[in-house]
Amino acid sequence: MLYIEQLGLNRYTLIHYPKALIHTWLAWQETPAMPMEQAITAQVLSYNAEIANKVVEWLKRLFELADV
């Protein structure tokens, strides 16, 4: 699988890759392209939902955070 970075099609620097991933995920939701702040307020992710736990674990791996 080739990623847009490998093909040179991305318009962002690699430092902004995590932000691009989050906004891509938001674009695929029921209300597409919702701003991140609004998505948090609208509880697109419930704090106790399985998907929320997966996102938290992904963010921990992404930023190499210890358990909070």
PDB file of N, CA and C in Angstrom:
ATOM      1  N   MET A   1       0.848  -1.165   0.000  1.00  0.00           N
ATOM      2  CA  MET A   1       0.000   0.000   0.000  1.00  0.00           C
ATOM      3  C   MET A   1       0.899   1.235   0.000  1.00  0.00           C
ATOM      4  N   LEU A   2       0.676   2.110  -0.920  1.00  0.00           N
ATOM      5  CA  LEU A   2       1.433   3.355  -0.972  1.00  0.00           C
ATOM      6  C   LEU A   2       0.639   4.455  -0.280  1.00  0.00           C
ATOM      7  N   TYR A   3       1.319   5.198   0.526  1.00  0.00           N
ATOM      8  CA  TYR A   3       0.702   6.320   1.215  1.00  0.00           C
ATOM      9  C   TYR A   3       0.981   7.601   0.448  1.00  0.00           C
ATOM     10  N   ILE A   4       0.153   8.611   0.662  1.00  0.00           N
ATOM     11  CA  ILE A   4       0.320   9.846  -0.104  1.00  0.00           C
ATOM     12  C   ILE A   4       1.678  10.487   0.152  1.00  0.00           C
ATOM     13  N   GLU A   5       2.246  10.256   1.342  1.00  0.00           N
ATOM     14  CA  GLU A   5       3.575  10.791   1.608  1.00  0.00           C
ATOM     15  C   GLU A   5       4.616  10.148   0.695  1.00  0.00           C
ATOM     16  N   GLN A   6       4.500   8.840   0.487  1.00  0.00           N
ATOM     17  CA  GLN A   6       5.444   8.121  -0.370  1.00  0.00           C
ATOM     18  C   GLN A   6       5.322   8.559  -1.825  1.00  0.00           C
ATOM     19  N   LEU A   7       4.134   8.966  -2.211  1.00  0.00           N
ATOM     20  CA  LEU A   7       3.905   9.414  -3.581  1.00  0.00           C
ATOM     21  C   LEU A   7       4.172  10.907  -3.755  1.00  0.00           C
ATOM     22  N   GLY A   8       4.463  11.587  -2.639  1.00  0.00           N
ATOM     23  CA  GLY A   8       4.734  13.013  -2.697  1.00  0.00           C
ATOM     24  C   GLY A   8       3.496  13.858  -2.946  1.00  0.00           C
ATOM     25  N   LEU A   9       2.326  13.340  -2.576  1.00  0.00           N
ATOM     26  CA  LEU A   9       1.076  14.044  -2.827  1.00  0.00           C
ATOM     27  C   LEU A   9       0.562  14.833  -1.622  1.00  0.00           C
ATOM     28  N   ASN A  10       1.213  14.652  -0.479  1.00  0.00           N
ATOM     29  CA  ASN A  10       0.739  15.353   0.707  1.00  0.00           C
ATOM     30  C   ASN A  10       1.102  16.836   0.644  1.00  0.00           C
ATOM     31  N   ARG A  11       0.207  17.643   1.214  1.00  0.00           N
ATOM     32  CA  ARG A  11       0.427  19.087   1.244  1.00  0.00           C
ATOM     33  C   ARG A  11       0.781  19.555   2.646  1.00  0.00           C
ATOM     34  N   TYR A  12       1.154  18.658   3.496  1.00  0.00           N
ATOM     35  CA  TYR A  12       1.531  18.988   4.868  1.00  0.00           C
ATOM     36  C   TYR A  12       2.906  18.401   5.146  1.00  0.00           C
ATOM     37  N   THR A  13       3.569  18.976   6.143  1.00  0.00           N
ATOM     38  CA  THR A  13       4.860  18.431   6.550  1.00  0.00           C
ATOM     39  C   THR A  13       4.603  17.215   7.431  1.00  0.00           C
ATOM     40  N   LEU A  14       5.556  16.341   7.529  1.00  0.00           N
ATOM     41  CA  LEU A  14       5.369  15.122   8.311  1.00  0.00           C
ATOM     42  C   LEU A  14       5.130  15.412   9.790  1.00  0.00           C
ATOM     43  N   ILE A  15       5.560  16.561  10.266  1.00  0.00           N
ATOM     44  CA  ILE A  15       5.285  16.921  11.665  1.00  0.00           C
ATOM     45  C   ILE A  15       3.781  17.088  11.891  1.00  0.00           C
ATOM     46  N   HIS A  16       3.038  17.392  10.832  1.00  0.00           N
ATOM     47  CA  HIS A  16       1.587  17.566  10.933  1.00  0.00           C
ATOM     48  C   HIS A  16       0.809  16.293  10.589  1.00  0.00           C
ATOM     49  N   TYR A  17       1.499  15.186  10.418  1.00  0.00           N
ATOM     50  CA  TYR A  17       0.862  13.917  10.070  1.00  0.00           C
ATOM     51  C   TYR A  17      -0.228  13.502  11.068  1.00  0.00           C
ATOM     52  N   PRO A  18       0.035  13.565  12.389  1.00  0.00           N
ATOM     53  CA  PRO A  18      -1.033  13.170  13.332  1.00  0.00           C
ATOM     54  C   PRO A  18      -2.290  14.019  13.179  1.00  0.00           C
ATOM     55  N   LYS A  19      -2.119  15.313  12.970  1.00  0.00           N
ATOM     56  CA  LYS A  19      -3.270  16.196  12.773  1.00  0.00           C
ATOM     57  C   LYS A  19      -4.023  15.803  11.503  1.00  0.00           C
ATOM     58  N   ALA A  20      -3.299  15.471  10.458  1.00  0.00           N
ATOM     59  CA  ALA A  20      -3.936  15.050   9.205  1.00  0.00           C
ATOM     60  C   ALA A  20      -4.737  13.767   9.423  1.00  0.00           C
ATOM     61  N   LEU A  21      -4.211  12.838  10.209  1.00  0.00           N
ATOM     62  CA  LEU A  21      -4.936  11.595  10.499  1.00  0.00           C
ATOM     63  C   LEU A  21      -6.237  11.868  11.252  1.00  0.00           C
ATOM     64  N   ILE A  22      -6.161  12.714  12.261  1.00  0.00           N
ATOM     65  CA  ILE A  22      -7.355  13.016  13.057  1.00  0.00           C
ATOM     66  C   ILE A  22      -8.420  13.678  12.190  1.00  0.00           C
ATOM     67  N   HIS A  23      -7.996  14.635  11.361  1.00  0.00           N
ATOM     68  CA  HIS A  23      -8.979  15.321  10.517  1.00  0.00           C
ATOM     69  C   HIS A  23      -9.527  14.393   9.429  1.00  0.00           C
ATOM     70  N   THR A  24      -8.731  13.461   8.976  1.00  0.00           N
ATOM     71  CA  THR A  24      -9.230  12.463   8.018  1.00  0.00           C
ATOM     72  C   THR A  24     -10.296  11.606   8.680  1.00  0.00           C
ATOM     73  N   TRP A  25     -10.039  11.186   9.914  1.00  0.00           N
ATOM     74  CA  TRP A  25     -11.021  10.387  10.652  1.00  0.00           C
ATOM     75  C   TRP A  25     -12.308  11.185  10.828  1.00  0.00           C
ATOM     76  N   LEU A  26     -12.177  12.467  11.217  1.00  0.00           N
ATOM     77  CA  LEU A  26     -13.366  13.302  11.393  1.00  0.00           C
ATOM     78  C   LEU A  26     -14.139  13.460  10.092  1.00  0.00           C
ATOM     79  N   ALA A  27     -13.441  13.479   8.975  1.00  0.00           N
ATOM     80  CA  ALA A  27     -14.102  13.642   7.672  1.00  0.00           C
ATOM     81  C   ALA A  27     -14.980  12.450   7.332  1.00  0.00           C
ATOM     82  N   TRP A  28     -14.715  11.296   7.916  1.00  0.00           N
ATOM     83  CA  TRP A  28     -15.484  10.091   7.607  1.00  0.00           C
ATOM     84  C   TRP A  28     -16.623   9.842   8.584  1.00  0.00           C
ATOM     85  N   GLN A  29     -16.861  10.770   9.508  1.00  0.00           N
ATOM     86  CA  GLN A  29     -17.918  10.584  10.492  1.00  0.00           C
ATOM     87  C   GLN A  29     -19.273  10.970   9.910  1.00  0.00           C
ATOM     88  N   GLU A  30     -20.330  10.701  10.680  1.00  0.00           N
ATOM     89  CA  GLU A  30     -21.696  10.972  10.220  1.00  0.00           C
ATOM     90  C   GLU A  30     -21.876  12.442   9.828  1.00  0.00           C
ATOM     91  N   THR A  31     -21.287  13.343  10.620  1.00  0.00           N
ATOM     92  CA  THR A  31     -21.257  14.761  10.270  1.00  0.00           C
ATOM     93  C   THR A  31     -19.822  15.038   9.817  1.00  0.00           C
ATOM     94  N   PRO A  32     -19.577  15.004   8.522  1.00  0.00           N
ATOM     95  CA  PRO A  32     -18.197  15.090   8.035  1.00  0.00           C
ATOM     96  C   PRO A  32     -17.564  16.461   8.238  1.00  0.00           C
ATOM     97  N   ALA A  33     -16.250  16.426   8.413  1.00  0.00           N
ATOM     98  CA  ALA A  33     -15.406  17.622   8.504  1.00  0.00           C
ATOM     99  C   ALA A  33     -15.787  18.532   9.668  1.00  0.00           C
ATOM    100  N   MET A  34     -16.282  17.953  10.735  1.00  0.00           N
ATOM    101  CA  MET A  34     -16.604  18.717  11.930  1.00  0.00           C
ATOM    102  C   MET A  34     -15.286  19.198  12.549  1.00  0.00           C
ATOM    103  N   PRO A  35     -15.198  20.475  12.933  1.00  0.00           N
ATOM    104  CA  PRO A  35     -13.971  20.947  13.582  1.00  0.00           C
ATOM    105  C   PRO A  35     -13.692  20.135  14.850  1.00  0.00           C
ATOM    106  N   MET A  36     -12.424  19.958  15.162  1.00  0.00           N
ATOM    107  CA  MET A  36     -12.047  19.109  16.288  1.00  0.00           C
ATOM    108  C   MET A  36     -12.707  19.558  17.591  1.00  0.00           C
ATOM    109  N   GLU A  37     -12.728  20.884  17.841  1.00  0.00           N
ATOM    110  CA  GLU A  37     -13.340  21.388  19.078  1.00  0.00           C
ATOM    111  C   GLU A  37     -14.826  21.022  19.144  1.00  0.00           C
ATOM    112  N   GLN A  38     -15.501  21.159  18.021  1.00  0.00           N
ATOM    113  CA  GLN A  38     -16.932  20.841  17.960  1.00  0.00           C
ATOM    114  C   GLN A  38     -17.147  19.337  18.126  1.00  0.00           C
ATOM    115  N   ALA A  39     -16.267  18.541  17.573  1.00  0.00           N
ATOM    116  CA  ALA A  39     -16.381  17.085  17.709  1.00  0.00           C
ATOM    117  C   ALA A  39     -16.246  16.657  19.163  1.00  0.00           C
ATOM    118  N   ILE A  40     -15.372  17.339  19.894  1.00  0.00           N
ATOM    119  CA  ILE A  40     -15.207  17.030  21.317  1.00  0.00           C
ATOM    120  C   ILE A  40     -16.460  17.443  22.071  1.00  0.00           C
ATOM    121  N   THR A  41     -16.951  18.658  21.818  1.00  0.00           N
ATOM    122  CA  THR A  41     -18.152  19.159  22.485  1.00  0.00           C
ATOM    123  C   THR A  41     -19.372  18.308  22.147  1.00  0.00           C
ATOM    124  N   ALA A  42     -19.471  17.882  20.885  1.00  0.00           N
ATOM    125  CA  ALA A  42     -20.613  17.076  20.439  1.00  0.00           C
ATOM    126  C   ALA A  42     -20.503  15.629  20.892  1.00  0.00           C
ATOM    127  N   GLN A  43     -19.433  15.297  21.578  1.00  0.00           N
ATOM    128  CA  GLN A  43     -19.187  13.947  22.082  1.00  0.00           C
ATOM    129  C   GLN A  43     -19.247  12.911  20.970  1.00  0.00           C
ATOM    130  N   VAL A  44     -18.555  13.241  19.866  1.00  0.00           N
ATOM    131  CA  VAL A  44     -18.434  12.271  18.779  1.00  0.00           C
ATOM    132  C   VAL A  44     -17.834  10.982  19.331  1.00  0.00           C
ATOM    133  N   LEU A  45     -16.933  11.133  20.265  1.00  0.00           N
ATOM    134  CA  LEU A  45     -16.389   9.989  20.995  1.00  0.00           C
ATOM    135  C   LEU A  45     -16.872  10.055  22.433  1.00  0.00           C
ATOM    136  N   SER A  46     -17.560   9.045  22.865  1.00  0.00           N
ATOM    137  CA  SER A  46     -17.959   8.956  24.264  1.00  0.00           C
ATOM    138  C   SER A  46     -16.755   8.467  25.057  1.00  0.00           C
ATOM    139  N   TYR A  47     -16.532   9.029  26.222  1.00  0.00           N
ATOM    140  CA  TYR A  47     -15.349   8.666  26.999  1.00  0.00           C
ATOM    141  C   TYR A  47     -15.315   7.195  27.388  1.00  0.00           C
ATOM    142  N   ASN A  48     -16.448   6.531  27.421  1.00  0.00           N
ATOM    143  CA  ASN A  48     -16.466   5.128  27.823  1.00  0.00           C
ATOM    144  C   ASN A  48     -16.747   4.171  26.672  1.00  0.00           C
ATOM    145  N   ALA A  49     -16.763   4.683  25.441  1.00  0.00           N
ATOM    146  CA  ALA A  49     -17.007   3.820  24.285  1.00  0.00           C
ATOM    147  C   ALA A  49     -15.727   3.079  23.914  1.00  0.00           C
ATOM    148  N   GLU A  50     -15.879   1.907  23.345  1.00  0.00           N
ATOM    149  CA  GLU A  50     -14.728   1.100  22.942  1.00  0.00           C
ATOM    150  C   GLU A  50     -13.847   1.855  21.949  1.00  0.00           C
ATOM    151  N   ILE A  51     -14.459   2.557  21.016  1.00  0.00           N
ATOM    152  CA  ILE A  51     -13.687   3.299  20.023  1.00  0.00           C
ATOM    153  C   ILE A  51     -12.873   4.409  20.692  1.00  0.00           C
ATOM    154  N   ALA A  52     -13.428   5.022  21.752  1.00  0.00           N
ATOM    155  CA  ALA A  52     -12.697   6.068  22.482  1.00  0.00           C
ATOM    156  C   ALA A  52     -11.444   5.487  23.108  1.00  0.00           C
ATOM    157  N   ASN A  53     -11.571   4.309  23.682  1.00  0.00           N
ATOM    158  CA  ASN A  53     -10.405   3.663  24.281  1.00  0.00           C
ATOM    159  C   ASN A  53      -9.350   3.348  23.227  1.00  0.00           C
ATOM    160  N   LYS A  54      -9.792   2.945  22.048  1.00  0.00           N
ATOM    161  CA  LYS A  54      -8.849   2.658  20.974  1.00  0.00           C
ATOM    162  C   LYS A  54      -8.115   3.921  20.533  1.00  0.00           C
ATOM    163  N   VAL A  55      -8.857   5.032  20.447  1.00  0.00           N
ATOM    164  CA  VAL A  55      -8.232   6.298  20.057  1.00  0.00           C
ATOM    165  C   VAL A  55      -7.242   6.742  21.129  1.00  0.00           C
ATOM    166  N   VAL A  56      -7.617   6.612  22.396  1.00  0.00           N
ATOM    167  CA  VAL A  56      -6.707   6.979  23.483  1.00  0.00           C
ATOM    168  C   VAL A  56      -5.440   6.138  23.419  1.00  0.00           C
ATOM    169  N   GLU A  57      -5.580   4.846  23.220  1.00  0.00           N
ATOM    170  CA  GLU A  57      -4.405   3.981  23.118  1.00  0.00           C
ATOM    171  C   GLU A  57      -3.546   4.357  21.912  1.00  0.00           C
ATOM    172  N   TRP A  58      -4.188   4.677  20.803  1.00  0.00           N
ATOM    173  CA  TRP A  58      -3.451   5.092  19.606  1.00  0.00           C
ATOM    174  C   TRP A  58      -2.682   6.389  19.880  1.00  0.00           C
ATOM    175  N   LEU A  59      -3.349   7.357  20.538  1.00  0.00           N
ATOM    176  CA  LEU A  59      -2.674   8.611  20.854  1.00  0.00           C
ATOM    177  C   LEU A  59      -1.503   8.392  21.804  1.00  0.00           C
ATOM    178  N   LYS A  60      -1.667   7.500  22.769  1.00  0.00           N
ATOM    179  CA  LYS A  60      -0.562   7.188  23.682  1.00  0.00           C
ATOM    180  C   LYS A  60       0.623   6.611  22.919  1.00  0.00           C
ATOM    181  N   ARG A  61       0.336   5.685  22.006  1.00  0.00           N
ATOM    182  CA  ARG A  61       1.426   5.112  21.200  1.00  0.00           C
ATOM    183  C   ARG A  61       2.040   6.180  20.309  1.00  0.00           C
ATOM    184  N   LEU A  62       1.176   7.003  19.714  1.00  0.00           N
ATOM    185  CA  LEU A  62       1.631   8.035  18.805  1.00  0.00           C
ATOM    186  C   LEU A  62       2.578   9.002  19.498  1.00  0.00           C
ATOM    187  N   PHE A  63       2.226   9.441  20.660  1.00  0.00           N
ATOM    188  CA  PHE A  63       3.033  10.427  21.378  1.00  0.00           C
ATOM    189  C   PHE A  63       3.908   9.806  22.448  1.00  0.00           C
ATOM    190  N   GLU A  64       3.901   8.478  22.530  1.00  0.00           N
ATOM    191  CA  GLU A  64       4.706   7.731  23.491  1.00  0.00           C
ATOM    192  C   GLU A  64       4.491   8.232  24.915  1.00  0.00           C
ATOM    193  N   LEU A  65       3.230   8.360  25.273  1.00  0.00           N
ATOM    194  CA  LEU A  65       2.874   8.828  26.617  1.00  0.00           C
ATOM    195  C   LEU A  65       2.759   7.656  27.582  1.00  0.00           C
ATOM    196  N   ALA A  66       3.095   7.901  28.813  1.00  0.00           N
ATOM    197  CA  ALA A  66       2.870   6.912  29.854  1.00  0.00           C
ATOM    198  C   ALA A  66       1.400   6.968  30.250  1.00  0.00           C
ATOM    199  N   ASP A  67       0.920   5.969  30.970  1.00  0.00           N
ATOM    200  CA  ASP A  67      -0.466   5.973  31.438  1.00  0.00           C
ATOM    201  C   ASP A  67      -0.729   7.237  32.232  1.00  0.00           C
ATOM    202  N   VAL A  68      -1.877   7.805  31.979  1.00  0.00           N
ATOM    203  CA  VAL A  68      -2.254   9.047  32.653  1.00  0.00           C
ATOM    204  C   VAL A  68      -3.196   8.734  33.792  1.00  0.00           C
TER     205      VAL A  68
END
